[in-house]
Amino acid sequence: ATPRAKSPEDQLRKAKENADLLLEVFGEENG
């Protein structure tokens, strides 16, 4: 769970951070 994004730019940044986390957790660096 993450706090609600304050702006569209903040949302895009959080999405990239979560995506990076997913790739790390699943061990799929390239996607």
Full PDB file with SEQRES, HELIX, SHEET, SSBOND, CRYST1, ORIGX, SCALE, CONECT and MASTER records, all heavy atoms in Angstrom:
SEQRES   1 A   31  ALA THR PRO ARG ALA LYS SER PRO GLU ASP GLN LEU ARG          
SEQRES   2 A   31  LYS ALA LYS GLU ASN ALA ASP LEU LEU LEU GLU VAL PHE          
SEQRES   3 A   31  GLY GLU GLU ASN GLY                                          
HELIX    1 AA1 PRO A    8  PHE A   26  1                                  19    
CRYST1    1.000    1.000    1.000  90.00  90.00  90.00 P 1           1          
ORIGX1      1.000000  0.000000  0.000000        0.00000                         
ORIGX2      0.000000  1.000000  0.000000        0.00000                         
ORIGX3      0.000000  0.000000  1.000000        0.00000                         
SCALE1      1.000000  0.000000  0.000000        0.00000                         
SCALE2      0.000000  1.000000  0.000000        0.00000                         
SCALE3      0.000000  0.000000  1.000000        0.00000                         
ATOM      1  N   ALA A   1       0.853  -1.197   0.000  1.00  0.00           N  
ATOM      2  CA  ALA A   1       0.000   0.000   0.000  1.00  0.00           C  
ATOM      3  C   ALA A   1       0.885   1.242   0.000  1.00  0.00           C  
ATOM      4  O   ALA A   1       1.877   1.307   0.714  1.00  0.00           O  
ATOM      5  CB  ALA A   1      -0.909  -0.010   1.214  1.00  0.00           C  
ATOM      6  N   THR A   2       0.502   2.209  -0.821  1.00  0.00           N  
ATOM      7  CA  THR A   2       1.251   3.463  -0.887  1.00  0.00           C  
ATOM      8  C   THR A   2       0.296   4.639  -0.756  1.00  0.00           C  
ATOM      9  O   THR A   2      -0.873   4.540  -1.144  1.00  0.00           O  
ATOM     10  CB  THR A   2       2.018   3.581  -2.216  1.00  0.00           C  
ATOM     11  OG1 THR A   2       1.080   3.488  -3.307  1.00  0.00           O  
ATOM     12  CG2 THR A   2       3.054   2.475  -2.347  1.00  0.00           C  
ATOM     13  N   PRO A   3       0.763   5.778  -0.215  1.00  0.00           N  
ATOM     14  CA  PRO A   3      -0.097   6.970  -0.127  1.00  0.00           C  
ATOM     15  C   PRO A   3      -0.556   7.408  -1.517  1.00  0.00           C  
ATOM     16  O   PRO A   3       0.124   7.166  -2.516  1.00  0.00           O  
ATOM     17  CB  PRO A   3       0.818   8.017   0.508  1.00  0.00           C  
ATOM     18  CG  PRO A   3       1.902   7.232   1.179  1.00  0.00           C  
ATOM     19  CD  PRO A   3       2.103   6.010   0.349  1.00  0.00           C  
ATOM     20  N   ARG A   4      -1.709   8.036  -1.562  1.00  0.00           N  
ATOM     21  CA  ARG A   4      -2.249   8.523  -2.827  1.00  0.00           C  
ATOM     22  C   ARG A   4      -1.294   9.540  -3.459  1.00  0.00           C  
ATOM     23  O   ARG A   4      -0.753  10.411  -2.777  1.00  0.00           O  
ATOM     24  CB  ARG A   4      -3.614   9.179  -2.590  1.00  0.00           C  
ATOM     25  CG  ARG A   4      -4.335   9.586  -3.863  1.00  0.00           C  
ATOM     26  CD  ARG A   4      -5.690  10.193  -3.523  1.00  0.00           C  
ATOM     27  NE  ARG A   4      -6.409  10.570  -4.724  1.00  0.00           N  
ATOM     28  CZ  ARG A   4      -7.206   9.748  -5.389  1.00  0.00           C  
ATOM     29  NH1 ARG A   4      -7.371   8.508  -4.972  1.00  0.00           N  
ATOM     30  NH2 ARG A   4      -7.845  10.158  -6.471  1.00  0.00           N  
ATOM     31  N   ALA A   5      -1.061   9.405  -4.754  1.00  0.00           N  
ATOM     32  CA  ALA A   5      -0.153  10.312  -5.462  1.00  0.00           C  
ATOM     33  C   ALA A   5      -0.699  11.739  -5.426  1.00  0.00           C  
ATOM     34  O   ALA A   5      -1.903  11.972  -5.540  1.00  0.00           O  
ATOM     35  CB  ALA A   5       0.033   9.848  -6.894  1.00  0.00           C  
ATOM     36  N   LYS A   6       0.215  12.702  -5.276  1.00  0.00           N  
ATOM     37  CA  LYS A   6      -0.175  14.110  -5.190  1.00  0.00           C  
ATOM     38  C   LYS A   6      -0.378  14.737  -6.560  1.00  0.00           C  
ATOM     39  O   LYS A   6      -1.036  15.775  -6.691  1.00  0.00           O  
ATOM     40  CB  LYS A   6       0.885  14.880  -4.414  1.00  0.00           C  
ATOM     41  CG  LYS A   6       1.067  14.417  -2.981  1.00  0.00           C  
ATOM     42  CD  LYS A   6       2.184  15.183  -2.284  1.00  0.00           C  
ATOM     43  CE  LYS A   6       2.376  14.697  -0.852  1.00  0.00           C  
ATOM     44  NZ  LYS A   6       3.485  15.396  -0.156  1.00  0.00           N  
ATOM     45  N   SER A   7       0.208  14.131  -7.598  1.00  0.00           N  
ATOM     46  CA  SER A   7       0.124  14.693  -8.950  1.00  0.00           C  
ATOM     47  C   SER A   7       0.344  13.573  -9.951  1.00  0.00           C  
ATOM     48  O   SER A   7       0.845  12.496  -9.602  1.00  0.00           O  
ATOM     49  CB  SER A   7       1.201  15.775  -9.137  1.00  0.00           C  
ATOM     50  OG  SER A   7       2.494  15.176  -9.086  1.00  0.00           O  
ATOM     51  N   PRO A   8      -0.009  13.794 -11.222  1.00  0.00           N  
ATOM     52  CA  PRO A   8       0.269  12.779 -12.244  1.00  0.00           C  
ATOM     53  C   PRO A   8       1.746  12.429 -12.329  1.00  0.00           C  
ATOM     54  O   PRO A   8       2.110  11.262 -12.541  1.00  0.00           O  
ATOM     55  CB  PRO A   8      -0.226  13.450 -13.531  1.00  0.00           C  
ATOM     56  CG  PRO A   8      -1.287  14.396 -13.081  1.00  0.00           C  
ATOM     57  CD  PRO A   8      -0.812  14.918 -11.759  1.00  0.00           C  
ATOM     58  N   GLU A   9       2.613  13.428 -12.151  1.00  0.00           N  
ATOM     59  CA  GLU A   9       4.046  13.161 -12.205  1.00  0.00           C  
ATOM     60  C   GLU A   9       4.479  12.275 -11.043  1.00  0.00           C  
ATOM     61  O   GLU A   9       5.314  11.370 -11.211  1.00  0.00           O  
ATOM     62  CB  GLU A   9       4.830  14.486 -12.164  1.00  0.00           C  
ATOM     63  CG  GLU A   9       4.668  15.362 -13.395  1.00  0.00           C  
ATOM     64  CD  GLU A   9       3.321  16.083 -13.452  1.00  0.00           C  
ATOM     65  OE1 GLU A   9       2.628  16.145 -12.396  1.00  0.00           O  
ATOM     66  OE2 GLU A   9       2.961  16.556 -14.535  1.00  0.00           O  
ATOM     67  N   ASP A  10       3.905  12.526  -9.876  1.00  0.00           N  
ATOM     68  CA  ASP A  10       4.208  11.706  -8.700  1.00  0.00           C  
ATOM     69  C   ASP A  10       3.735  10.272  -8.931  1.00  0.00           C  
ATOM     70  O   ASP A  10       4.413   9.304  -8.564  1.00  0.00           O  
ATOM     71  CB  ASP A  10       3.534  12.303  -7.470  1.00  0.00           C  
ATOM     72  CG  ASP A  10       3.923  11.586  -6.182  1.00  0.00           C  
ATOM     73  OD1 ASP A  10       5.088  11.172  -6.066  1.00  0.00           O  
ATOM     74  OD2 ASP A  10       3.053  11.439  -5.300  1.00  0.00           O  
ATOM     75  N   GLN A  11       2.559  10.122  -9.546  1.00  0.00           N  
ATOM     76  CA  GLN A  11       2.028   8.794  -9.833  1.00  0.00           C  
ATOM     77  C   GLN A  11       2.929   8.030 -10.801  1.00  0.00           C  
ATOM     78  O   GLN A  11       3.203   6.844 -10.610  1.00  0.00           O  
ATOM     79  CB  GLN A  11       0.621   8.909 -10.430  1.00  0.00           C  
ATOM     80  CG  GLN A  11       0.015   7.575 -10.868  1.00  0.00           C  
ATOM     81  CD  GLN A  11      -0.157   6.618  -9.712  1.00  0.00           C  
ATOM     82  OE1 GLN A  11      -0.911   6.896  -8.785  1.00  0.00           O  
ATOM     83  NE2 GLN A  11       0.552   5.504  -9.745  1.00  0.00           N  
ATOM     84  N   LEU A  12       3.394   8.698 -11.837  1.00  0.00           N  
ATOM     85  CA  LEU A  12       4.288   8.040 -12.807  1.00  0.00           C  
ATOM     86  C   LEU A  12       5.603   7.623 -12.141  1.00  0.00           C  
ATOM     87  O   LEU A  12       6.138   6.551 -12.441  1.00  0.00           O  
ATOM     88  CB  LEU A  12       4.558   8.972 -13.985  1.00  0.00           C  
ATOM     89  CG  LEU A  12       3.390   9.168 -14.954  1.00  0.00           C  
ATOM     90  CD1 LEU A  12       3.688  10.313 -15.917  1.00  0.00           C  
ATOM     91  CD2 LEU A  12       3.108   7.890 -15.731  1.00  0.00           C  
ATOM     92  N   ARG A  13       6.090   8.469 -11.242  1.00  0.00           N  
ATOM     93  CA  ARG A  13       7.331   8.125 -10.535  1.00  0.00           C  
ATOM     94  C   ARG A  13       7.133   6.892  -9.656  1.00  0.00           C  
ATOM     95  O   ARG A  13       7.953   5.971  -9.649  1.00  0.00           O  
ATOM     96  CB  ARG A  13       7.782   9.316  -9.678  1.00  0.00           C  
ATOM     97  CG  ARG A  13       9.050   9.047  -8.870  1.00  0.00           C  
ATOM     98  CD  ARG A  13       9.383  10.216  -7.954  1.00  0.00           C  
ATOM     99  NE  ARG A  13       8.288  10.545  -7.053  1.00  0.00           N  
ATOM    100  CZ  ARG A  13       8.021   9.853  -5.940  1.00  0.00           C  
ATOM    101  NH1 ARG A  13       8.767   8.787  -5.615  1.00  0.00           N  
ATOM    102  NH2 ARG A  13       7.025  10.228  -5.164  1.00  0.00           N  
ATOM    103  N   LYS A  14       6.011   6.864  -8.929  1.00  0.00           N  
ATOM    104  CA  LYS A  14       5.730   5.714  -8.070  1.00  0.00           C  
ATOM    105  C   LYS A  14       5.529   4.447  -8.887  1.00  0.00           C  
ATOM    106  O   LYS A  14       5.942   3.348  -8.468  1.00  0.00           O  
ATOM    107  CB  LYS A  14       4.490   5.993  -7.212  1.00  0.00           C  
ATOM    108  CG  LYS A  14       4.710   7.022  -6.123  1.00  0.00           C  
ATOM    109  CD  LYS A  14       3.480   7.178  -5.250  1.00  0.00           C  
ATOM    110  CE  LYS A  14       3.732   8.165  -4.123  1.00  0.00           C  
ATOM    111  NZ  LYS A  14       2.544   8.312  -3.249  1.00  0.00           N  
ATOM    112  N   ALA A  15       4.903   4.574 -10.035  1.00  0.00           N  
ATOM    113  CA  ALA A  15       4.694   3.408 -10.898  1.00  0.00           C  
ATOM    114  C   ALA A  15       6.027   2.823 -11.347  1.00  0.00           C  
ATOM    115  O   ALA A  15       6.214   1.599 -11.375  1.00  0.00           O  
ATOM    116  CB  ALA A  15       3.840   3.779 -12.099  1.00  0.00           C  
ATOM    117  N   LYS A  16       6.971   3.696 -11.694  1.00  0.00           N  
ATOM    118  CA  LYS A  16       8.300   3.224 -12.103  1.00  0.00           C  
ATOM    119  C   LYS A  16       9.008   2.545 -10.933  1.00  0.00           C  
ATOM    120  O   LYS A  16       9.639   1.479 -11.094  1.00  0.00           O  
ATOM    121  CB  LYS A  16       9.129   4.394 -12.603  1.00  0.00           C  
ATOM    122  CG  LYS A  16      10.558   4.015 -13.038  1.00  0.00           C  
ATOM    123  CD  LYS A  16      10.556   3.035 -14.205  1.00  0.00           C  
ATOM    124  CE  LYS A  16      11.940   2.906 -14.851  1.00  0.00           C  
ATOM    125  NZ  LYS A  16      12.950   2.346 -13.941  1.00  0.00           N  
ATOM    126  N   GLU A  17       8.891   3.103  -9.747  1.00  0.00           N  
ATOM    127  CA  GLU A  17       9.528   2.508  -8.576  1.00  0.00           C  
ATOM    128  C   GLU A  17       8.929   1.133  -8.271  1.00  0.00           C  
ATOM    129  O   GLU A  17       9.663   0.167  -7.988  1.00  0.00           O  
ATOM    130  CB  GLU A  17       9.371   3.429  -7.360  1.00  0.00           C  
ATOM    131  CG  GLU A  17      10.169   4.718  -7.458  1.00  0.00           C  
ATOM    132  CD  GLU A  17       9.872   5.659  -6.305  1.00  0.00           C  
ATOM    133  OE1 GLU A  17       8.956   5.365  -5.508  1.00  0.00           O  
ATOM    134  OE2 GLU A  17      10.556   6.710  -6.200  1.00  0.00           O  
ATOM    135  N   ASN A  18       7.610   1.029  -8.338  1.00  0.00           N  
ATOM    136  CA  ASN A  18       6.967  -0.260  -8.084  1.00  0.00           C  
ATOM    137  C   ASN A  18       7.309  -1.278  -9.167  1.00  0.00           C  
ATOM    138  O   ASN A  18       7.470  -2.466  -8.883  1.00  0.00           O  
ATOM    139  CB  ASN A  18       5.451  -0.087  -7.982  1.00  0.00           C  
ATOM    140  CG  ASN A  18       5.014   0.435  -6.630  1.00  0.00           C  
ATOM    141  OD1 ASN A  18       5.682   0.206  -5.620  1.00  0.00           O  
ATOM    142  ND2 ASN A  18       3.885   1.129  -6.595  1.00  0.00           N  
ATOM    143  N   ALA A  19       7.405  -0.818 -10.406  1.00  0.00           N  
ATOM    144  CA  ALA A  19       7.787  -1.718 -11.494  1.00  0.00           C  
ATOM    145  C   ALA A  19       9.195  -2.268 -11.272  1.00  0.00           C  
ATOM    146  O   ALA A  19       9.444  -3.469 -11.454  1.00  0.00           O  
ATOM    147  CB  ALA A  19       7.706  -0.987 -12.827  1.00  0.00           C  
ATOM    148  N   ASP A  20      10.097  -1.405 -10.871  1.00  0.00           N  
ATOM    149  CA  ASP A  20      11.464  -1.849 -10.581  1.00  0.00           C  
ATOM    150  C   ASP A  20      11.471  -2.865  -9.442  1.00  0.00           C  
ATOM    151  O   ASP A  20      12.227  -3.854  -9.472  1.00  0.00           O  
ATOM    152  CB  ASP A  20      12.350  -0.655 -10.218  1.00  0.00           C  
ATOM    153  CG  ASP A  20      12.633   0.248 -11.413  1.00  0.00           C  
ATOM    154  OD1 ASP A  20      12.452  -0.215 -12.561  1.00  0.00           O  
ATOM    155  OD2 ASP A  20      13.026   1.413 -11.198  1.00  0.00           O  
ATOM    156  N   LEU A  21      10.623  -2.624  -8.441  1.00  0.00           N  
ATOM    157  CA  LEU A  21      10.521  -3.561  -7.320  1.00  0.00           C  
ATOM    158  C   LEU A  21      10.020  -4.924  -7.802  1.00  0.00           C  
ATOM    159  O   LEU A  21      10.562  -5.968  -7.406  1.00  0.00           O  
ATOM    160  CB  LEU A  21       9.574  -2.994  -6.264  1.00  0.00           C  
ATOM    161  CG  LEU A  21       9.231  -3.918  -5.079  1.00  0.00           C  
ATOM    162  CD1 LEU A  21      10.487  -4.265  -4.286  1.00  0.00           C  
ATOM    163  CD2 LEU A  21       8.185  -3.264  -4.177  1.00  0.00           C  
ATOM    164  N   LEU A  22       9.004  -4.916  -8.657  1.00  0.00           N  
ATOM    165  CA  LEU A  22       8.467  -6.171  -9.176  1.00  0.00           C  
ATOM    166  C   LEU A  22       9.532  -6.963  -9.937  1.00  0.00           C  
ATOM    167  O   LEU A  22       9.683  -8.177  -9.746  1.00  0.00           O  
ATOM    168  CB  LEU A  22       7.286  -5.896 -10.108  1.00  0.00           C  
ATOM    169  CG  LEU A  22       5.984  -5.404  -9.487  1.00  0.00           C  
ATOM    170  CD1 LEU A  22       4.946  -5.177 -10.573  1.00  0.00           C  
ATOM    171  CD2 LEU A  22       5.472  -6.405  -8.475  1.00  0.00           C  
ATOM    172  N   LEU A  23      10.266  -6.293 -10.799  1.00  0.00           N  
ATOM    173  CA  LEU A  23      11.289  -6.988 -11.585  1.00  0.00           C  
ATOM    174  C   LEU A  23      12.378  -7.560 -10.683  1.00  0.00           C  
ATOM    175  O   LEU A  23      12.900  -8.657 -10.946  1.00  0.00           O  
ATOM    176  CB  LEU A  23      11.881  -6.027 -12.619  1.00  0.00           C  
ATOM    177  CG  LEU A  23      10.912  -5.527 -13.695  1.00  0.00           C  
ATOM    178  CD1 LEU A  23      11.626  -4.582 -14.653  1.00  0.00           C  
ATOM    179  CD2 LEU A  23      10.299  -6.690 -14.465  1.00  0.00           C  
ATOM    180  N   GLU A  24      12.683  -6.840  -9.621  1.00  0.00           N  
ATOM    181  CA  GLU A  24      13.682  -7.339  -8.672  1.00  0.00           C  
ATOM    182  C   GLU A  24      13.156  -8.560  -7.913  1.00  0.00           C  
ATOM    183  O   GLU A  24      13.853  -9.581  -7.785  1.00  0.00           O  
ATOM    184  CB  GLU A  24      14.062  -6.238  -7.688  1.00  0.00           C  
ATOM    185  CG  GLU A  24      15.100  -6.672  -6.663  1.00  0.00           C  
ATOM    186  CD  GLU A  24      15.440  -5.569  -5.666  1.00  0.00           C  
ATOM    187  OE1 GLU A  24      14.943  -4.435  -5.834  1.00  0.00           O  
ATOM    188  OE2 GLU A  24      16.202  -5.863  -4.718  1.00  0.00           O  
ATOM    189  N   VAL A  25      11.913  -8.474  -7.426  1.00  0.00           N  
ATOM    190  CA  VAL A  25      11.321  -9.569  -6.657  1.00  0.00           C  
ATOM    191  C   VAL A  25      11.232 -10.836  -7.510  1.00  0.00           C  
ATOM    192  O   VAL A  25      11.530 -11.946  -7.040  1.00  0.00           O  
ATOM    193  CB  VAL A  25       9.929  -9.168  -6.133  1.00  0.00           C  
ATOM    194  CG1 VAL A  25       9.172 -10.385  -5.620  1.00  0.00           C  
ATOM    195  CG2 VAL A  25      10.050  -8.123  -5.039  1.00  0.00           C  
ATOM    196  N   PHE A  26      10.814 -10.671  -8.758  1.00  0.00           N  
ATOM    197  CA  PHE A  26      10.651 -11.830  -9.631  1.00  0.00           C  
ATOM    198  C   PHE A  26      11.960 -12.264 -10.305  1.00  0.00           C  
ATOM    199  O   PHE A  26      11.991 -13.288 -10.993  1.00  0.00           O  
ATOM    200  CB  PHE A  26       9.597 -11.543 -10.709  1.00  0.00           C  
ATOM    201  CG  PHE A  26       8.188 -11.489 -10.189  1.00  0.00           C  
ATOM    202  CD1 PHE A  26       7.366 -10.403 -10.499  1.00  0.00           C  
ATOM    203  CD2 PHE A  26       7.681 -12.501  -9.409  1.00  0.00           C  
ATOM    204  CE1 PHE A  26       6.060 -10.346 -10.032  1.00  0.00           C  
ATOM    205  CE2 PHE A  26       6.372 -12.455  -8.928  1.00  0.00           C  
ATOM    206  CZ  PHE A  26       5.567 -11.377  -9.235  1.00  0.00           C  
ATOM    207  N   GLY A  27      13.021 -11.485 -10.124  1.00  0.00           N  
ATOM    208  CA  GLY A  27      14.296 -11.844 -10.736  1.00  0.00           C  
ATOM    209  C   GLY A  27      14.272 -11.767 -12.248  1.00  0.00           C  
ATOM    210  O   GLY A  27      14.941 -12.544 -12.931  1.00  0.00           O  
ATOM    211  N   GLU A  28      13.499 -10.832 -12.781  1.00  0.00           N  
ATOM    212  CA  GLU A  28      13.386 -10.649 -14.234  1.00  0.00           C  
ATOM    213  C   GLU A  28      13.863  -9.238 -14.580  1.00  0.00           C  
ATOM    214  O   GLU A  28      13.074  -8.350 -14.901  1.00  0.00           O  
ATOM    215  CB  GLU A  28      11.941 -10.866 -14.708  1.00  0.00           C  
ATOM    216  CG  GLU A  28      11.416 -12.266 -14.498  1.00  0.00           C  
ATOM    217  CD  GLU A  28      11.969 -13.262 -15.511  1.00  0.00           C  
ATOM    218  OE1 GLU A  28      12.639 -12.840 -16.472  1.00  0.00           O  
ATOM    219  OE2 GLU A  28      11.729 -14.476 -15.320  1.00  0.00           O  
ATOM    220  N   GLU A  29      15.158  -9.031 -14.504  1.00  0.00           N  
ATOM    221  CA  GLU A  29      15.730  -7.694 -14.687  1.00  0.00           C  
ATOM    222  C   GLU A  29      15.323  -7.056 -16.003  1.00  0.00           C  
ATOM    223  O   GLU A  29      15.091  -5.838 -16.088  1.00  0.00           O  
ATOM    224  CB  GLU A  29      17.256  -7.777 -14.606  1.00  0.00           C  
ATOM    225  CG  GLU A  29      17.963  -6.447 -14.827  1.00  0.00           C  
ATOM    226  CD  GLU A  29      19.481  -6.599 -14.808  1.00  0.00           C  
ATOM    227  OE1 GLU A  29      19.967  -7.717 -14.510  1.00  0.00           O  
ATOM    228  OE2 GLU A  29      20.171  -5.598 -15.087  1.00  0.00           O  
ATOM    229  N   ASN A  30      15.198  -7.855 -17.060  1.00  0.00           N  
ATOM    230  CA  ASN A  30      14.899  -7.308 -18.388  1.00  0.00           C  
ATOM    231  C   ASN A  30      13.410  -7.172 -18.668  1.00  0.00           C  
ATOM    232  O   ASN A  30      13.026  -6.603 -19.689  1.00  0.00           O  
ATOM    233  CB  ASN A  30      15.550  -8.185 -19.461  1.00  0.00           C  
ATOM    234  CG  ASN A  30      17.058  -8.162 -19.382  1.00  0.00           C  
ATOM    235  OD1 ASN A  30      17.656  -7.122 -19.110  1.00  0.00           O  
ATOM    236  ND2 ASN A  30      17.679  -9.312 -19.601  1.00  0.00           N  
ATOM    237  N   GLY A  31      12.561  -7.705 -17.795  1.00  0.00           N  
ATOM    238  CA  GLY A  31      11.126  -7.612 -17.993  1.00  0.00           C  
ATOM    239  C   GLY A  31      10.523  -8.879 -18.559  1.00  0.00           C  
ATOM    240  O   GLY A  31      11.214  -9.892 -18.774  1.00  0.00           O  
TER     241      GLY A  31                                                      
MASTER        0    0    0    1    0    0    0    6  240    1    0    3          
END                                                                             
